[in-house]
PDB file of N, CA and C in Angstrom:
ATOM      1  N   MET A   1      91.402  81.685  97.961  1.00  0.00           N
ATOM      2  CA  MET A   1      92.843  81.849  97.861  1.00  0.00           C
ATOM      3  C   MET A   1      93.282  81.887  96.405  1.00  0.00           C
ATOM      4  N   SER A   2      92.573  81.210  95.518  1.00  0.00           N
ATOM      5  CA  SER A   2      93.016  81.150  94.123  1.00  0.00           C
ATOM      6  C   SER A   2      93.019  82.517  93.453  1.00  0.00           C
ATOM      7  N   ASP A   3      92.267  83.489  93.993  1.00  0.00           N
ATOM      8  CA  ASP A   3      92.295  84.840  93.442  1.00  0.00           C
ATOM      9  C   ASP A   3      93.519  85.616  93.915  1.00  0.00           C
ATOM     10  N   LEU A   4      94.215  85.126  94.931  1.00  0.00           N
ATOM     11  CA  LEU A   4      95.364  85.817  95.503  1.00  0.00           C
ATOM     12  C   LEU A   4      96.691  85.331  94.951  1.00  0.00           C
ATOM     13  N   ILE A   5      96.731  84.073  94.527  1.00  0.00           N
ATOM     14  CA  ILE A   5      98.006  83.445  94.188  1.00  0.00           C
ATOM     15  C   ILE A   5      97.877  82.619  92.913  1.00  0.00           C
ATOM     16  N   GLU A   6      98.962  82.580  92.167  1.00  0.00           N
ATOM     17  CA  GLU A   6      99.047  81.696  91.004  1.00  0.00           C
ATOM     18  C   GLU A   6     100.328  80.897  91.144  1.00  0.00           C
ATOM     19  N   LEU A   7     100.220  79.591  90.926  1.00  0.00           N
ATOM     20  CA  LEU A   7     101.351  78.697  91.131  1.00  0.00           C
ATOM     21  C   LEU A   7     101.299  77.594  90.091  1.00  0.00           C
ATOM     22  N   LYS A   8     102.458  77.220  89.593  1.00  0.00           N
ATOM     23  CA  LYS A   8     102.555  76.084  88.677  1.00  0.00           C
ATOM     24  C   LYS A   8     103.506  75.071  89.298  1.00  0.00           C
ATOM     25  N   LEU A   9     103.076  73.822  89.345  1.00  0.00           N
ATOM     26  CA  LEU A   9     103.882  72.736  89.898  1.00  0.00           C
ATOM     27  C   LEU A   9     104.096  71.708  88.802  1.00  0.00           C
ATOM     28  N   VAL A  10     105.375  71.392  88.520  1.00  0.00           N
ATOM     29  CA  VAL A  10     105.727  70.450  87.460  1.00  0.00           C
ATOM     30  C   VAL A  10     106.514  69.302  88.067  1.00  0.00           C
ATOM     31  N   THR A  11     106.167  68.071  87.688  1.00  0.00           N
ATOM     32  CA  THR A  11     106.910  66.902  88.160  1.00  0.00           C
ATOM     33  C   THR A  11     107.828  66.420  87.051  1.00  0.00           C
ATOM     34  N   ARG A  12     109.104  66.278  87.386  1.00  0.00           N
ATOM     35  CA  ARG A  12     110.107  65.735  86.465  1.00  0.00           C
ATOM     36  C   ARG A  12     110.902  64.680  87.223  1.00  0.00           C
ATOM     37  N   GLU A  13     110.785  63.447  86.780  1.00  0.00           N
ATOM     38  CA  GLU A  13     111.438  62.308  87.435  1.00  0.00           C
ATOM     39  C   GLU A  13     111.091  62.325  88.919  1.00  0.00           C
ATOM     40  N   ASP A  14     112.090  62.365  89.824  1.00  0.00           N
ATOM     41  CA  ASP A  14     111.822  62.339  91.263  1.00  0.00           C
ATOM     42  C   ASP A  14     111.741  63.731  91.872  1.00  0.00           C
ATOM     43  N   ALA A  15     111.736  64.762  91.051  1.00  0.00           N
ATOM     44  CA  ALA A  15     111.724  66.137  91.564  1.00  0.00           C
ATOM     45  C   ALA A  15     110.436  66.844  91.174  1.00  0.00           C
ATOM     46  N   LYS A  16     110.029  67.763  92.031  1.00  0.00           N
ATOM     47  CA  LYS A  16     108.928  68.658  91.712  1.00  0.00           C
ATOM     48  C   LYS A  16     109.510  70.053  91.558  1.00  0.00           C
ATOM     49  N   TRP A  17     109.095  70.744  90.512  1.00  0.00           N
ATOM     50  CA  TRP A  17     109.540  72.114  90.223  1.00  0.00           C
ATOM     51  C   TRP A  17     108.404  73.069  90.531  1.00  0.00           C
ATOM     52  N   ILE A  18     108.701  74.082  91.327  1.00  0.00           N
ATOM     53  CA  ILE A  18     107.751  75.155  91.608  1.00  0.00           C
ATOM     54  C   ILE A  18     108.114  76.292  90.667  1.00  0.00           C
ATOM     55  N   SER A  19     107.160  76.662  89.810  1.00  0.00           N
ATOM     56  CA  SER A  19     107.501  77.694  88.829  1.00  0.00           C
ATOM     57  C   SER A  19     106.260  78.216  88.160  1.00  0.00           C
ATOM     58  N   PRO A  20     105.994  79.429  88.213  1.00  0.00           N
ATOM     59  CA  PRO A  20     106.413  80.436  89.198  1.00  0.00           C
ATOM     60  C   PRO A  20     105.343  80.597  90.271  1.00  0.00           C
ATOM     61  N   ILE A  21     105.611  81.445  91.246  1.00  0.00           N
ATOM     62  CA  ILE A  21     104.622  81.817  92.262  1.00  0.00           C
ATOM     63  C   ILE A  21     104.358  83.306  92.090  1.00  0.00           C
ATOM     64  N   PHE A  22     103.115  83.656  91.908  1.00  0.00           N
ATOM     65  CA  PHE A  22     102.730  85.069  91.828  1.00  0.00           C
ATOM     66  C   PHE A  22     101.718  85.368  92.919  1.00  0.00           C
ATOM     67  N   ILE A  23     101.964  86.392  93.695  1.00  0.00           N
ATOM     68  CA  ILE A  23     101.035  86.868  94.713  1.00  0.00           C
ATOM     69  C   ILE A  23     100.613  88.278  94.311  1.00  0.00           C
ATOM     70  N   ILE A  24      99.318  88.558  94.329  1.00  0.00           N
ATOM     71  CA  ILE A  24      98.838  89.912  94.044  1.00  0.00           C
ATOM     72  C   ILE A  24      99.553  90.878  94.990  1.00  0.00           C
ATOM     73  N   PRO A  25     100.105  91.968  94.461  1.00  0.00           N
ATOM     74  CA  PRO A  25     100.927  92.879  95.271  1.00  0.00           C
ATOM     75  C   PRO A  25     100.332  93.286  96.620  1.00  0.00           C
ATOM     76  N   LYS A  26      99.044  93.582  96.695  1.00  0.00           N
ATOM     77  CA  LYS A  26      98.499  94.035  97.979  1.00  0.00           C
ATOM     78  C   LYS A  26      98.469  92.921  99.040  1.00  0.00           C
ATOM     79  N   PHE A  27      98.692  91.663  98.620  1.00  0.00           N
ATOM     80  CA  PHE A  27      98.727  90.548  99.563  1.00  0.00           C
ATOM     81  C   PHE A  27     100.145  90.029  99.809  1.00  0.00           C
ATOM     82  N   GLN A  28     101.143  90.671  99.221  1.00  0.00           N
ATOM     83  CA  GLN A  28     102.529  90.264  99.441  1.00  0.00           C
ATOM     84  C   GLN A  28     102.973  90.660 100.852  1.00  0.00           C
ATOM     85  N   ASN A  29     104.018  89.992 101.330  1.00  0.00           N
ATOM     86  CA  ASN A  29     104.582  90.248 102.668  1.00  0.00           C
ATOM     87  C   ASN A  29     103.603  89.921 103.795  1.00  0.00           C
ATOM     88  N   LYS A  30     102.745  88.959 103.566  1.00  0.00           N
ATOM     89  CA  LYS A  30     101.800  88.516 104.591  1.00  0.00           C
ATOM     90  C   LYS A  30     101.985  87.035 104.928  1.00  0.00           C
ATOM     91  N   GLY A  31     103.044  86.425 104.387  1.00  0.00           N
ATOM     92  CA  GLY A  31     103.334  85.028 104.681  1.00  0.00           C
ATOM     93  C   GLY A  31     102.569  84.029 103.827  1.00  0.00           C
ATOM     94  N   ILE A  32     101.838  84.503 102.833  1.00  0.00           N
ATOM     95  CA  ILE A  32     101.012  83.608 102.014  1.00  0.00           C
ATOM     96  C   ILE A  32     101.880  82.630 101.221  1.00  0.00           C
ATOM     97  N   ALA A  33     102.904  83.124 100.557  1.00  0.00           N
ATOM     98  CA  ALA A  33     103.745  82.245  99.725  1.00  0.00           C
ATOM     99  C   ALA A  33     104.429  81.171 100.560  1.00  0.00           C
ATOM    100  N   SER A  34     104.970  81.542 101.721  1.00  0.00           N
ATOM    101  CA  SER A  34     105.640  80.531 102.549  1.00  0.00           C
ATOM    102  C   SER A  34     104.648  79.497 103.077  1.00  0.00           C
ATOM    103  N   LYS A  35     103.411  79.919 103.367  1.00  0.00           N
ATOM    104  CA  LYS A  35     102.387  78.961 103.799  1.00  0.00           C
ATOM    105  C   LYS A  35     102.025  78.005 102.661  1.00  0.00           C
ATOM    106  N   VAL A  36     101.897  78.531 101.451  1.00  0.00           N
ATOM    107  CA  VAL A  36     101.569  77.687 100.303  1.00  0.00           C
ATOM    108  C   VAL A  36     102.694  76.689 100.042  1.00  0.00           C
ATOM    109  N   ILE A  37     103.933  77.151 100.104  1.00  0.00           N
ATOM    110  CA  ILE A  37     105.070  76.247  99.908  1.00  0.00           C
ATOM    111  C   ILE A  37     105.066  75.162 100.982  1.00  0.00           C
ATOM    112  N   GLY A  38     104.818  75.542 102.219  1.00  0.00           N
ATOM    113  CA  GLY A  38     104.727  74.560 103.308  1.00  0.00           C
ATOM    114  C   GLY A  38     103.619  73.540 103.065  1.00  0.00           C
ATOM    115  N   GLN A  39     102.478  74.003 102.550  1.00  0.00           N
ATOM    116  CA  GLN A  39     101.385  73.088 102.241  1.00  0.00           C
ATOM    117  C   GLN A  39     101.765  72.131 101.114  1.00  0.00           C
ATOM    118  N   LEU A  40     102.494  72.635 100.115  1.00  0.00           N
ATOM    119  CA  LEU A  40     102.972  71.750  99.045  1.00  0.00           C
ATOM    120  C   LEU A  40     103.875  70.661  99.609  1.00  0.00           C
ATOM    121  N   PHE A  41     104.776  71.040 100.527  1.00  0.00           N
ATOM    122  CA  PHE A  41     105.664  70.056 101.147  1.00  0.00           C
ATOM    123  C   PHE A  41     104.849  68.991 101.887  1.00  0.00           C
ATOM    124  N   ASP A  42     103.769  69.413 102.559  1.00  0.00           N
ATOM    125  CA  ASP A  42     102.921  68.462 103.283  1.00  0.00           C
ATOM    126  C   ASP A  42     102.135  67.566 102.329  1.00  0.00           C
ATOM    127  N   ILE A  43     101.538  68.163 101.308  1.00  0.00           N
ATOM    128  CA  ILE A  43     100.706  67.404 100.370  1.00  0.00           C
ATOM    129  C   ILE A  43     101.542  66.383  99.590  1.00  0.00           C
ATOM    130  N   TYR A  44     102.728  66.807  99.184  1.00  0.00           N
ATOM    131  CA  TYR A  44     103.612  65.939  98.385  1.00  0.00           C
ATOM    132  C   TYR A  44     104.810  65.497  99.227  1.00  0.00           C
ATOM    133  N   SER A  45     104.518  64.964 100.403  1.00  0.00           N
ATOM    134  CA  SER A  45     105.573  64.614 101.359  1.00  0.00           C
ATOM    135  C   SER A  45     106.520  63.530 100.855  1.00  0.00           C
ATOM    136  N   GLY A  46     106.117  62.771  99.856  1.00  0.00           N
ATOM    137  CA  GLY A  46     106.987  61.736  99.305  1.00  0.00           C
ATOM    138  C   GLY A  46     107.975  62.245  98.266  1.00  0.00           C
ATOM    139  N   THR A  47     107.945  63.526  97.999  1.00  0.00           N
ATOM    140  CA  THR A  47     108.837  64.102  96.991  1.00  0.00           C
ATOM    141  C   THR A  47     110.279  64.068  97.497  1.00  0.00           C
ATOM    142  N   ILE A  48     111.164  63.553  96.672  1.00  0.00           N
ATOM    143  CA  ILE A  48     112.578  63.434  97.043  1.00  0.00           C
ATOM    144  C   ILE A  48     113.282  64.779  96.949  1.00  0.00           C
ATOM    145  N   GLU A  49     112.971  65.527  95.901  1.00  0.00           N
ATOM    146  CA  GLU A  49     113.690  66.784  95.681  1.00  0.00           C
ATOM    147  C   GLU A  49     112.745  67.841  95.120  1.00  0.00           C
ATOM    148  N   TRP A  50     112.894  69.055  95.619  1.00  0.00           N
ATOM    149  CA  TRP A  50     112.151  70.211  95.143  1.00  0.00           C
ATOM    150  C   TRP A  50     113.131  71.140  94.446  1.00  0.00           C
ATOM    151  N   ARG A  51     112.711  71.751  93.336  1.00  0.00           N
ATOM    152  CA  ARG A  51     113.573  72.685  92.606  1.00  0.00           C
ATOM    153  C   ARG A  51     112.767  73.885  92.148  1.00  0.00           C
ATOM    154  N   LEU A  52     113.461  74.970  91.912  1.00  0.00           N
ATOM    155  CA  LEU A  52     112.844  76.145  91.322  1.00  0.00           C
ATOM    156  C   LEU A  52     113.918  77.050  90.760  1.00  0.00           C
ATOM    157  N   ASP A  53     113.521  77.875  89.818  1.00  0.00           N
ATOM    158  CA  ASP A  53     114.373  78.925  89.275  1.00  0.00           C
ATOM    159  C   ASP A  53     113.748  80.256  89.645  1.00  0.00           C
ATOM    160  N   THR A  54     114.581  81.247  89.888  1.00  0.00           N
ATOM    161  CA  THR A  54     114.086  82.588  90.180  1.00  0.00           C
ATOM    162  C   THR A  54     115.082  83.613  89.671  1.00  0.00           C
ATOM    163  N   ILE A  55     114.714  84.850  89.754  1.00  0.00           N
ATOM    164  CA  ILE A  55     115.568  85.936  89.293  1.00  0.00           C
ATOM    165  C   ILE A  55     116.475  86.375  90.443  1.00  0.00           C
ATOM    166  N   LYS A  56     117.757  86.325  90.208  1.00  0.00           N
ATOM    167  CA  LYS A  56     118.763  86.651  91.222  1.00  0.00           C
ATOM    168  C   LYS A  56     118.562  88.051  91.800  1.00  0.00           C
ATOM    169  N   GLN A  57     118.157  88.976  90.972  1.00  0.00           N
ATOM    170  CA  GLN A  57     118.001  90.364  91.394  1.00  0.00           C
ATOM    171  C   GLN A  57     116.754  90.579  92.261  1.00  0.00           C
ATOM    172  N   GLU A  58     115.871  89.611  92.324  1.00  0.00           N
ATOM    173  CA  GLU A  58     114.671  89.703  93.163  1.00  0.00           C
ATOM    174  C   GLU A  58     115.006  89.175  94.557  1.00  0.00           C
ATOM    175  N   GLU A  59     115.627  90.012  95.362  1.00  0.00           N
ATOM    176  CA  GLU A  59     116.153  89.590  96.664  1.00  0.00           C
ATOM    177  C   GLU A  59     115.068  89.076  97.607  1.00  0.00           C
ATOM    178  N   ARG A  60     113.880  89.628  97.541  1.00  0.00           N
ATOM    179  CA  ARG A  60     112.796  89.157  98.420  1.00  0.00           C
ATOM    180  C   ARG A  60     112.391  87.734  98.065  1.00  0.00           C
ATOM    181  N   ASN A  61     112.395  87.405  96.765  1.00  0.00           N
ATOM    182  CA  ASN A  61     112.084  86.031  96.363  1.00  0.00           C
ATOM    183  C   ASN A  61     113.159  85.076  96.866  1.00  0.00           C
ATOM    184  N   CYS A  62     114.422  85.455  96.699  1.00  0.00           N
ATOM    185  CA  CYS A  62     115.528  84.611  97.167  1.00  0.00           C
ATOM    186  C   CYS A  62     115.421  84.380  98.674  1.00  0.00           C
ATOM    187  N   TYR A  63     115.113  85.437  99.422  1.00  0.00           N
ATOM    188  CA  TYR A  63     114.952  85.322 100.877  1.00  0.00           C
ATOM    189  C   TYR A  63     113.830  84.341 101.215  1.00  0.00           C
ATOM    190  N   LEU A  64     112.694  84.450 100.516  1.00  0.00           N
ATOM    191  CA  LEU A  64     111.563  83.552 100.756  1.00  0.00           C
ATOM    192  C   LEU A  64     111.975  82.103 100.574  1.00  0.00           C
ATOM    193  N   TYR A  65     112.603  81.795  99.453  1.00  0.00           N
ATOM    194  CA  TYR A  65     112.960  80.410  99.171  1.00  0.00           C
ATOM    195  C   TYR A  65     113.986  79.878 100.164  1.00  0.00           C
ATOM    196  N   GLU A  66     114.949  80.700 100.552  1.00  0.00           N
ATOM    197  CA  GLU A  66     115.938  80.268 101.541  1.00  0.00           C
ATOM    198  C   GLU A  66     115.275  80.053 102.894  1.00  0.00           C
ATOM    199  N   LYS A  67     114.306  80.899 103.237  1.00  0.00           N
ATOM    200  CA  LYS A  67     113.566  80.743 104.495  1.00  0.00           C
ATOM    201  C   LYS A  67     112.782  79.429 104.497  1.00  0.00           C
ATOM    202  N   CYS A  68     112.347  78.993 103.323  1.00  0.00           N
ATOM    203  CA  CYS A  68     111.589  77.743 103.196  1.00  0.00           C
ATOM    204  C   CYS A  68     112.492  76.518 103.072  1.00  0.00           C
ATOM    205  N   GLY A  69     113.806  76.703 103.196  1.00  0.00           N
ATOM    206  CA  GLY A  69     114.727  75.568 103.208  1.00  0.00           C
ATOM    207  C   GLY A  69     115.423  75.268 101.894  1.00  0.00           C
ATOM    208  N   PHE A  70     115.194  76.076 100.876  1.00  0.00           N
ATOM    209  CA  PHE A  70     115.878  75.878  99.603  1.00  0.00           C
ATOM    210  C   PHE A  70     117.317  76.381  99.698  1.00  0.00           C
ATOM    211  N   VAL A  71     118.213  75.737  98.955  1.00  0.00           N
ATOM    212  CA  VAL A  71     119.622  76.111  98.904  1.00  0.00           C
ATOM    213  C   VAL A  71     119.959  76.461  97.463  1.00  0.00           C
ATOM    214  N   ARG A  72     120.637  77.569  97.295  1.00  0.00           N
ATOM    215  CA  ARG A  72     121.008  78.018  95.946  1.00  0.00           C
ATOM    216  C   ARG A  72     122.092  77.104  95.378  1.00  0.00           C
ATOM    217  N   THR A  73     121.936  76.737  94.103  1.00  0.00           N
ATOM    218  CA  THR A  73     122.949  75.935  93.417  1.00  0.00           C
ATOM    219  C   THR A  73     123.889  76.877  92.659  1.00  0.00           C
ATOM    220  N   LYS A  74     124.858  76.311  91.967  1.00  0.00           N
ATOM    221  CA  LYS A  74     125.803  77.122  91.192  1.00  0.00           C
ATOM    222  C   LYS A  74     125.255  77.489  89.816  1.00  0.00           C
ATOM    223  N   TYR A  75     124.122  76.945  89.461  1.00  0.00           N
ATOM    224  CA  TYR A  75     123.518  77.160  88.143  1.00  0.00           C
ATOM    225  C   TYR A  75     123.051  78.616  87.987  1.00  0.00           C
ATOM    226  N   GLU A  76     123.527  79.293  86.957  1.00  0.00           N
ATOM    227  CA  GLU A  76     123.117  80.661  86.640  1.00  0.00           C
ATOM    228  C   GLU A  76     123.036  80.846  85.138  1.00  0.00           C
ATOM    229  N   ILE A  77     122.041  81.570  84.693  1.00  0.00           N
ATOM    230  CA  ILE A  77     121.934  81.962  83.292  1.00  0.00           C
ATOM    231  C   ILE A  77     121.734  83.475  83.257  1.00  0.00           C
ATOM    232  N   VAL A  78     122.649  84.170  82.632  1.00  0.00           N
ATOM    233  CA  VAL A  78     122.517  85.615  82.474  1.00  0.00           C
ATOM    234  C   VAL A  78     121.605  85.853  81.274  1.00  0.00           C
ATOM    235  N   VAL A  79     120.445  86.414  81.541  1.00  0.00           N
ATOM    236  CA  VAL A  79     119.478  86.697  80.484  1.00  0.00           C
ATOM    237  C   VAL A  79     119.825  88.026  79.809  1.00  0.00           C
ATOM    238  N   ASN A  80     120.107  89.019  80.629  1.00  0.00           N
ATOM    239  CA  ASN A  80     120.572  90.322  80.152  1.00  0.00           C
ATOM    240  C   ASN A  80     121.258  91.018  81.324  1.00  0.00           C
ATOM    241  N   GLU A  81     121.648  92.263  81.158  1.00  0.00           N
ATOM    242  CA  GLU A  81     122.396  92.946  82.216  1.00  0.00           C
ATOM    243  C   GLU A  81     121.576  93.183  83.481  1.00  0.00           C
ATOM    244  N   ASN A  82     120.270  93.051  83.385  1.00  0.00           N
ATOM    245  CA  ASN A  82     119.399  93.277  84.540  1.00  0.00           C
ATOM    246  C   ASN A  82     118.772  92.014  85.113  1.00  0.00           C
ATOM    247  N   MET A  83     118.998  90.866  84.460  1.00  0.00           N
ATOM    248  CA  MET A  83     118.347  89.644  84.909  1.00  0.00           C
ATOM    249  C   MET A  83     119.246  88.426  84.774  1.00  0.00           C
ATOM    250  N   THR A  84     119.403  87.740  85.894  1.00  0.00           N
ATOM    251  CA  THR A  84     120.124  86.469  85.935  1.00  0.00           C
ATOM    252  C   THR A  84     119.212  85.446  86.598  1.00  0.00           C
ATOM    253  N   LEU A  85     119.006  84.327  85.945  1.00  0.00           N
ATOM    254  CA  LEU A  85     118.212  83.250  86.534  1.00  0.00           C
ATOM    255  C   LEU A  85     119.123  82.358  87.362  1.00  0.00           C
ATOM    256  N   ILE A  86     118.659  82.027  88.564  1.00  0.00           N
ATOM    257  CA  ILE A  86     119.404  81.132  89.445  1.00  0.00           C
ATOM    258  C   ILE A  86     118.494  79.975  89.851  1.00  0.00           C
ATOM    259  N   ASN A  87     119.105  78.902  90.316  1.00  0.00           N
ATOM    260  CA  ASN A  87     118.394  77.685  90.656  1.00  0.00           C
ATOM    261  C   ASN A  87     118.520  77.408  92.146  1.00  0.00           C
ATOM    262  N   TYR A  88     117.426  76.916  92.724  1.00  0.00           N
ATOM    263  CA  TYR A  88     117.400  76.494  94.124  1.00  0.00           C
ATOM    264  C   TYR A  88     116.960  75.040  94.197  1.00  0.00           C
ATOM    265  N   VAL A  89     117.426  74.333  95.217  1.00  0.00           N
ATOM    266  CA  VAL A  89     117.053  72.937  95.430  1.00  0.00           C
ATOM    267  C   VAL A  89     116.782  72.722  96.915  1.00  0.00           C
ATOM    268  N   LYS A  90     115.859  71.816  97.199  1.00  0.00           N
ATOM    269  CA  LYS A  90     115.583  71.394  98.575  1.00  0.00           C
ATOM    270  C   LYS A  90     115.411  69.887  98.539  1.00  0.00           C
ATOM    271  N   SER A  91     116.268  69.195  99.247  1.00  0.00           N
ATOM    272  CA  SER A  91     116.239  67.743  99.260  1.00  0.00           C
ATOM    273  C   SER A  91     115.488  67.247 100.487  1.00  0.00           C
ATOM    274  N   SER A  92     114.501  66.409 100.275  1.00  0.00           N
ATOM    275  CA  SER A  92     113.746  65.828 101.384  1.00  0.00           C
ATOM    276  C   SER A  92     114.506  64.695 102.046  1.00  0.00           C
ATOM    277  N   ILE A  93     115.438  64.084 101.326  1.00  0.00           N
ATOM    278  CA  ILE A  93     116.221  62.976 101.887  1.00  0.00           C
ATOM    279  C   ILE A  93     117.060  63.459 103.064  1.00  0.00           C
ATOM    280  N   GLU A  94     117.730  64.595 102.901  1.00  0.00           N
ATOM    281  CA  GLU A  94     118.560  65.133 103.981  1.00  0.00           C
ATOM    282  C   GLU A  94     117.728  65.427 105.207  1.00  0.00           C
ATOM    283  N   GLU A  95     116.516  65.989 105.017  1.00  0.00           N
ATOM    284  CA  GLU A  95     115.643  66.291 106.147  1.00  0.00           C
ATOM    285  C   GLU A  95     115.264  65.038 106.905  1.00  0.00           C
ATOM    286  N   LYS A  96     114.939  63.957 106.180  1.00  0.00           N
ATOM    287  CA  LYS A  96     114.501  62.727 106.831  1.00  0.00           C
ATOM    288  C   LYS A  96     115.633  62.101 107.643  1.00  0.00           C
ATOM    289  N   HIS A  97     116.883  62.280 107.190  1.00  0.00           N
ATOM    290  CA  HIS A  97     118.013  61.720 107.923  1.00  0.00           C
ATOM    291  C   HIS A  97     118.365  62.550 109.141  1.00  0.00           C
ATOM    292  N   THR A  98     118.056  63.852 109.134  1.00  0.00           N
ATOM    293  CA  THR A  98     118.419  64.704 110.250  1.00  0.00           C
ATOM    294  C   THR A  98     117.317  64.799 111.294  1.00  0.00           C
ATOM    295  N   ASN A  99     116.106  64.335 110.968  1.00  0.00           N
ATOM    296  CA  ASN A  99     114.991  64.416 111.935  1.00  0.00           C
ATOM    297  C   ASN A  99     114.929  63.198 112.804  1.00  0.00           C
TER     298      ASN A  99
END
């Protein structure tokens, strides 16, 4: 699997940041990224909060993260006319209270 995907996981205080996820193009749209994210949630089940930044214009990435339970925050940085960075968060506390 390591030849198919590249992922960086950073821990800051009580949050884990996923940044970035790269899937080799011929393996995209096969559910690999969502499975890896799900495995991260299982492996680091004690994590209080998950965060990530992505490019707003990359609609497929935004869809993936929302499908995995991330919620977009109001945080935005306009890098240039073609790229805006946005932030997503997923709180494990809310999940534990609703389950």
